[in-house]
Amino acid sequence: MDKQIARYSYWIGLACVAITVVWRALMQVWPGIPGTLGAVWYSSFWKAGVVLLVVSIASVNYAWLRQEATQGRAEKTTARAA
C-alpha cells in the first residue's frame, strides 16, 4: 500500500508541476491569458505538486524503515535459534 501511495502521489505531483510550467509559459508568451481560471490560480498546482512530492518521499521512507525493522527482527530470531 505504501508503494502505491508513493507511486501515485509522485506522478500526480509531477503532473501538477508540469501544469504549472505550461501555464507560466503560456502567460509569458500570450499575455492575454488570465493568471487565474475561475478560482484556480497556477500557484495552487505548484503547491499541490510540492506537497504530493513530499508525501511520495515520506511514504517511500516509511516503507523502507518498516522493511528494515522487519529484517532486523528476522536476524535477531535467527541469531537466537543458532
Protein backbone atom coordinates (compact mmCIF):
# COMPACT_ATOMS: atom_id res chain seq x y z
CA MET A 1 0.00 0.00 0.00
CA ASP A 2 2.83 2.39 0.85
CA LYS A 3 4.45 1.86 -2.53
CA GLN A 4 1.18 2.59 -4.33
CA ILE A 5 0.73 5.82 -2.38
CA ALA A 6 4.29 6.80 -3.25
CA ARG A 7 3.82 5.95 -6.92
CA TYR A 8 0.51 7.78 -7.36
CA SER A 9 1.50 10.85 -5.36
CA TYR A 10 4.76 11.10 -7.32
CA TRP A 11 3.08 11.01 -10.72
CA ILE A 12 0.23 13.33 -9.73
CA GLY A 13 2.81 15.71 -8.22
CA LEU A 14 4.78 15.71 -11.47
CA ALA A 15 1.59 16.37 -13.42
CA CYS A 16 0.82 19.36 -11.18
CA VAL A 17 4.31 20.76 -11.69
CA ALA A 18 4.01 20.25 -15.46
CA ILE A 19 0.66 22.09 -15.50
CA THR A 20 2.28 24.95 -13.60
CA VAL A 21 5.22 25.17 -16.02
CA VAL A 22 2.93 25.14 -19.07
CA TRP A 23 0.62 27.72 -17.51
CA ARG A 24 3.53 30.04 -16.69
CA ALA A 25 4.97 29.62 -20.18
CA LEU A 26 1.62 30.48 -21.74
CA MET A 27 1.38 33.56 -19.51
CA GLN A 28 4.78 34.73 -20.81
CA VAL A 29 4.07 34.03 -24.49
CA TRP A 30 0.47 35.13 -24.54
CA PRO A 31 -0.14 37.99 -22.08
CA GLY A 32 -3.90 37.83 -22.66
CA ILE A 33 -4.23 34.52 -20.82
CA PRO A 34 -5.58 35.07 -17.33
CA GLY A 35 -3.44 34.24 -14.31
CA THR A 36 -6.49 32.68 -12.78
CA LEU A 37 -9.17 30.48 -14.29
CA GLY A 38 -12.19 30.90 -12.10
CA ALA A 39 -10.94 30.37 -8.57
CA VAL A 40 -7.89 28.30 -9.58
CA TRP A 41 -4.51 30.04 -9.63
CA TYR A 42 -1.41 28.42 -11.15
CA SER A 43 0.39 28.55 -7.80
CA SER A 44 -2.23 26.14 -6.45
CA PHE A 45 -0.88 23.49 -8.81
CA TRP A 46 2.68 24.33 -7.82
CA LYS A 47 1.92 23.99 -4.09
CA ALA A 48 -0.05 20.79 -4.64
CA GLY A 49 2.84 19.35 -6.64
CA VAL A 50 5.31 20.11 -3.86
CA VAL A 51 3.04 18.60 -1.21
CA LEU A 52 2.47 15.44 -3.27
CA LEU A 53 6.19 15.01 -3.94
CA VAL A 54 6.89 15.34 -0.20
CA VAL A 55 4.17 12.75 0.50
CA SER A 56 5.82 10.45 -2.01
CA ILE A 57 9.22 10.81 -0.34
CA ALA A 58 7.73 10.28 3.11
CA SER A 59 5.83 7.14 2.14
CA VAL A 60 8.90 5.61 0.45
CA ASN A 61 10.93 6.31 3.59
CA TYR A 62 8.22 4.79 5.78
CA ALA A 63 8.13 1.63 3.66
CA TRP A 64 11.92 1.40 3.74
CA LEU A 65 12.08 1.82 7.53
CA ARG A 66 9.36 -0.77 8.03
CA GLN A 67 11.26 -3.19 5.78
CA GLU A 68 14.49 -2.59 7.71
CA ALA A 69 12.73 -3.20 11.04
CA THR A 70 11.26 -6.47 9.73
CA GLN A 71 14.67 -7.65 8.54
CA GLY A 72 16.24 -6.70 11.86
CA ARG A 73 13.67 -8.76 13.77
CA ALA A 74 14.25 -11.73 11.47
CA GLU A 75 18.02 -11.52 12.03
CA LYS A 76 17.56 -11.44 15.83
CA THR A 77 15.32 -14.51 15.83
CA THR A 78 17.76 -16.35 13.56
CA ALA A 79 20.66 -15.49 15.87
CA ARG A 80 18.74 -16.74 18.92
CA ALA A 81 17.90 -20.02 17.22
CA ALA A 82 21.54 -20.72 16.38
